[in-house]
Amino acid sequence: MSDIQDQLQIEQLDQEWLELIQEAKQLGLSFDDISQFLQHGTSSTK
């Protein structure tokens, strides 16, 4: 891939991550919950 294609792919992934984080926040998850899930695959909320 070219540098431009690489950058576009990164920007698309960044946008997808932002949308997922926004959705998690709308579901009532805290930043710590999101961070813990990303690091360990579990949530502190039950």
PDB file of N, CA and C in Angstrom:
ATOM      1  N   MET A   1       0.832  -1.183   0.000  1.00  0.00           N
ATOM      2  CA  MET A   1       0.000   0.000   0.000  1.00  0.00           C
ATOM      3  C   MET A   1       0.877   1.246   0.000  1.00  0.00           C
ATOM      4  N   SER A   2       0.312   2.285  -0.553  1.00  0.00           N
ATOM      5  CA  SER A   2       1.038   3.555  -0.535  1.00  0.00           C
ATOM      6  C   SER A   2       0.844   4.240   0.808  1.00  0.00           C
ATOM      7  N   ASP A   3       1.632   5.264   1.046  1.00  0.00           N
ATOM      8  CA  ASP A   3       1.514   6.026   2.293  1.00  0.00           C
ATOM      9  C   ASP A   3       0.131   6.646   2.420  1.00  0.00           C
ATOM     10  N   ILE A   4      -0.429   7.120   1.316  1.00  0.00           N
ATOM     11  CA  ILE A   4      -1.754   7.742   1.342  1.00  0.00           C
ATOM     12  C   ILE A   4      -2.809   6.705   1.701  1.00  0.00           C
ATOM     13  N   GLN A   5      -2.732   5.528   1.118  1.00  0.00           N
ATOM     14  CA  GLN A   5      -3.690   4.467   1.435  1.00  0.00           C
ATOM     15  C   GLN A   5      -3.558   4.039   2.891  1.00  0.00           C
ATOM     16  N   ASP A   6      -2.343   3.945   3.389  1.00  0.00           N
ATOM     17  CA  ASP A   6      -2.117   3.598   4.795  1.00  0.00           C
ATOM     18  C   ASP A   6      -2.763   4.631   5.711  1.00  0.00           C
ATOM     19  N   GLN A   7      -2.571   5.905   5.406  1.00  0.00           N
ATOM     20  CA  GLN A   7      -3.138   6.976   6.227  1.00  0.00           C
ATOM     21  C   GLN A   7      -4.659   6.946   6.195  1.00  0.00           C
ATOM     22  N   LEU A   8      -5.252   6.711   5.029  1.00  0.00           N
ATOM     23  CA  LEU A   8      -6.707   6.636   4.926  1.00  0.00           C
ATOM     24  C   LEU A   8      -7.257   5.474   5.731  1.00  0.00           C
ATOM     25  N   GLN A   9      -6.566   4.349   5.709  1.00  0.00           N
ATOM     26  CA  GLN A   9      -7.000   3.188   6.481  1.00  0.00           C
ATOM     27  C   GLN A   9      -6.924   3.484   7.977  1.00  0.00           C
ATOM     28  N   ILE A  10      -5.872   4.138   8.417  1.00  0.00           N
ATOM     29  CA  ILE A  10      -5.720   4.497   9.835  1.00  0.00           C
ATOM     30  C   ILE A  10      -6.835   5.456  10.248  1.00  0.00           C
ATOM     31  N   GLU A  11      -7.124   6.449   9.413  1.00  0.00           N
ATOM     32  CA  GLU A  11      -8.173   7.408   9.733  1.00  0.00           C
ATOM     33  C   GLU A  11      -9.532   6.726   9.830  1.00  0.00           C
ATOM     34  N   GLN A  12      -9.786   5.747   8.943  1.00  0.00           N
ATOM     35  CA  GLN A  12     -11.052   5.018   8.994  1.00  0.00           C
ATOM     36  C   GLN A  12     -11.136   4.208  10.282  1.00  0.00           C
ATOM     37  N   LEU A  13     -10.052   3.547  10.665  1.00  0.00           N
ATOM     38  CA  LEU A  13     -10.040   2.789  11.916  1.00  0.00           C
ATOM     39  C   LEU A  13     -10.232   3.707  13.108  1.00  0.00           C
ATOM     40  N   ASP A  14      -9.582   4.876  13.083  1.00  0.00           N
ATOM     41  CA  ASP A  14      -9.755   5.842  14.170  1.00  0.00           C
ATOM     42  C   ASP A  14     -11.221   6.243  14.294  1.00  0.00           C
ATOM     43  N   GLN A  15     -11.888   6.497  13.177  1.00  0.00           N
ATOM     44  CA  GLN A  15     -13.288   6.889  13.189  1.00  0.00           C
ATOM     45  C   GLN A  15     -14.148   5.763  13.759  1.00  0.00           C
ATOM     46  N   GLU A  16     -13.847   4.523  13.377  1.00  0.00           N
ATOM     47  CA  GLU A  16     -14.604   3.381  13.896  1.00  0.00           C
ATOM     48  C   GLU A  16     -14.426   3.250  15.408  1.00  0.00           C
ATOM     49  N   TRP A  17     -13.206   3.453  15.904  1.00  0.00           N
ATOM     50  CA  TRP A  17     -12.957   3.399  17.347  1.00  0.00           C
ATOM     51  C   TRP A  17     -13.731   4.493  18.064  1.00  0.00           C
ATOM     52  N   LEU A  18     -13.729   5.695  17.496  1.00  0.00           N
ATOM     53  CA  LEU A  18     -14.470   6.797  18.106  1.00  0.00           C
ATOM     54  C   LEU A  18     -15.961   6.466  18.194  1.00  0.00           C
ATOM     55  N   GLU A  19     -16.509   5.890  17.137  1.00  0.00           N
ATOM     56  CA  GLU A  19     -17.922   5.529  17.144  1.00  0.00           C
ATOM     57  C   GLU A  19     -18.213   4.450  18.183  1.00  0.00           C
ATOM     58  N   LEU A  20     -17.332   3.476  18.315  1.00  0.00           N
ATOM     59  CA  LEU A  20     -17.525   2.424  19.318  1.00  0.00           C
ATOM     60  C   LEU A  20     -17.455   2.990  20.735  1.00  0.00           C
ATOM     61  N   ILE A  21     -16.515   3.892  20.969  1.00  0.00           N
ATOM     62  CA  ILE A  21     -16.390   4.506  22.295  1.00  0.00           C
ATOM     63  C   ILE A  21     -17.613   5.357  22.602  1.00  0.00           C
ATOM     64  N   GLN A  22     -18.092   6.106  21.614  1.00  0.00           N
ATOM     65  CA  GLN A  22     -19.293   6.920  21.818  1.00  0.00           C
ATOM     66  C   GLN A  22     -20.495   6.036  22.138  1.00  0.00           C
ATOM     67  N   GLU A  23     -20.615   4.922  21.455  1.00  0.00           N
ATOM     68  CA  GLU A  23     -21.722   4.000  21.716  1.00  0.00           C
ATOM     69  C   GLU A  23     -21.627   3.421  23.124  1.00  0.00           C
ATOM     70  N   ALA A  24     -20.422   3.065  23.545  1.00  0.00           N
ATOM     71  CA  ALA A  24     -20.230   2.541  24.896  1.00  0.00           C
ATOM     72  C   ALA A  24     -20.614   3.590  25.936  1.00  0.00           C
ATOM     73  N   LYS A  25     -20.242   4.840  25.697  1.00  0.00           N
ATOM     74  CA  LYS A  25     -20.602   5.921  26.619  1.00  0.00           C
ATOM     75  C   LYS A  25     -22.120   6.084  26.684  1.00  0.00           C
ATOM     76  N   GLN A  26     -22.789   5.958  25.546  1.00  0.00           N
ATOM     77  CA  GLN A  26     -24.247   6.070  25.511  1.00  0.00           C
ATOM     78  C   GLN A  26     -24.905   4.938  26.293  1.00  0.00           C
ATOM     79  N   LEU A  27     -24.234   3.809  26.373  1.00  0.00           N
ATOM     80  CA  LEU A  27     -24.744   2.667  27.140  1.00  0.00           C
ATOM     81  C   LEU A  27     -24.447   2.815  28.630  1.00  0.00           C
ATOM     82  N   GLY A  28     -23.753   3.891  28.994  1.00  0.00           N
ATOM     83  CA  GLY A  28     -23.488   4.161  30.392  1.00  0.00           C
ATOM     84  C   GLY A  28     -22.154   3.651  30.905  1.00  0.00           C
ATOM     85  N   LEU A  29     -21.288   3.212  30.014  1.00  0.00           N
ATOM     86  CA  LEU A  29     -19.976   2.748  30.445  1.00  0.00           C
ATOM     87  C   LEU A  29     -19.061   3.937  30.688  1.00  0.00           C
ATOM     88  N   SER A  30     -18.258   3.850  31.721  1.00  0.00           N
ATOM     89  CA  SER A  30     -17.289   4.909  32.007  1.00  0.00           C
ATOM     90  C   SER A  30     -16.034   4.698  31.160  1.00  0.00           C
ATOM     91  N   PHE A  31     -15.195   5.732  31.129  1.00  0.00           N
ATOM     92  CA  PHE A  31     -13.932   5.603  30.417  1.00  0.00           C
ATOM     93  C   PHE A  31     -13.105   4.469  31.008  1.00  0.00           C
ATOM     94  N   ASP A  32     -13.137   4.332  32.349  1.00  0.00           N
ATOM     95  CA  ASP A  32     -12.386   3.248  33.006  1.00  0.00           C
ATOM     96  C   ASP A  32     -12.917   1.882  32.582  1.00  0.00           C
ATOM     97  N   ASP A  33     -14.248   1.742  32.463  1.00  0.00           N
ATOM     98  CA  ASP A  33     -14.834   0.478  32.005  1.00  0.00           C
ATOM     99  C   ASP A  33     -14.347   0.140  30.598  1.00  0.00           C
ATOM    100  N   ILE A  34     -14.358   1.139  29.733  1.00  0.00           N
ATOM    101  CA  ILE A  34     -13.924   0.936  28.346  1.00  0.00           C
ATOM    102  C   ILE A  34     -12.449   0.550  28.318  1.00  0.00           C
ATOM    103  N   SER A  35     -11.639   1.283  29.070  1.00  0.00           N
ATOM    104  CA  SER A  35     -10.204   1.011  29.116  1.00  0.00           C
ATOM    105  C   SER A  35      -9.917  -0.390  29.644  1.00  0.00           C
ATOM    106  N   GLN A  36     -10.605  -0.766  30.730  1.00  0.00           N
ATOM    107  CA  GLN A  36     -10.405  -2.094  31.302  1.00  0.00           C
ATOM    108  C   GLN A  36     -10.799  -3.179  30.307  1.00  0.00           C
ATOM    109  N   PHE A  37     -11.908  -2.976  29.624  1.00  0.00           N
ATOM    110  CA  PHE A  37     -12.341  -3.968  28.642  1.00  0.00           C
ATOM    111  C   PHE A  37     -11.312  -4.116  27.530  1.00  0.00           C
ATOM    112  N   LEU A  38     -10.792  -2.996  27.037  1.00  0.00           N
ATOM    113  CA  LEU A  38      -9.807  -3.060  25.964  1.00  0.00           C
ATOM    114  C   LEU A  38      -8.514  -3.738  26.413  1.00  0.00           C
ATOM    115  N   GLN A  39      -8.156  -3.569  27.678  1.00  0.00           N
ATOM    116  CA  GLN A  39      -6.924  -4.161  28.182  1.00  0.00           C
ATOM    117  C   GLN A  39      -7.084  -5.623  28.571  1.00  0.00           C
ATOM    118  N   HIS A  40      -8.263  -5.971  29.129  1.00  0.00           N
ATOM    119  CA  HIS A  40      -8.424  -7.306  29.701  1.00  0.00           C
ATOM    120  C   HIS A  40      -9.586  -8.110  29.125  1.00  0.00           C
ATOM    121  N   GLY A  41     -10.417  -7.467  28.335  1.00  0.00           N
ATOM    122  CA  GLY A  41     -11.554  -8.174  27.756  1.00  0.00           C
ATOM    123  C   GLY A  41     -12.702  -8.395  28.721  1.00  0.00           C
ATOM    124  N   THR A  42     -12.702  -7.675  29.850  1.00  0.00           N
ATOM    125  CA  THR A  42     -13.787  -7.796  30.813  1.00  0.00           C
ATOM    126  C   THR A  42     -14.239  -6.407  31.227  1.00  0.00           C
ATOM    127  N   SER A  43     -15.407  -6.352  31.799  1.00  0.00           N
ATOM    128  CA  SER A  43     -15.945  -5.091  32.296  1.00  0.00           C
ATOM    129  C   SER A  43     -16.098  -5.182  33.807  1.00  0.00           C
ATOM    130  N   SER A  44     -15.913  -4.055  34.492  1.00  0.00           N
ATOM    131  CA  SER A  44     -16.066  -4.044  35.934  1.00  0.00           C
ATOM    132  C   SER A  44     -17.526  -3.930  36.343  1.00  0.00           C
ATOM    133  N   THR A  45     -18.412  -3.563  35.386  1.00  0.00           N
ATOM    134  CA  THR A  45     -19.836  -3.450  35.686  1.00  0.00           C
ATOM    135  C   THR A  45     -20.524  -4.774  35.435  1.00  0.00           C
ATOM    136  N   LYS A  46     -21.567  -5.019  36.196  1.00  0.00           N
ATOM    137  CA  LYS A  46     -22.299  -6.287  36.030  1.00  0.00           C
ATOM    138  C   LYS A  46     -23.752  -6.015  35.900  1.00  0.00           C
TER     139      LYS A  46
END
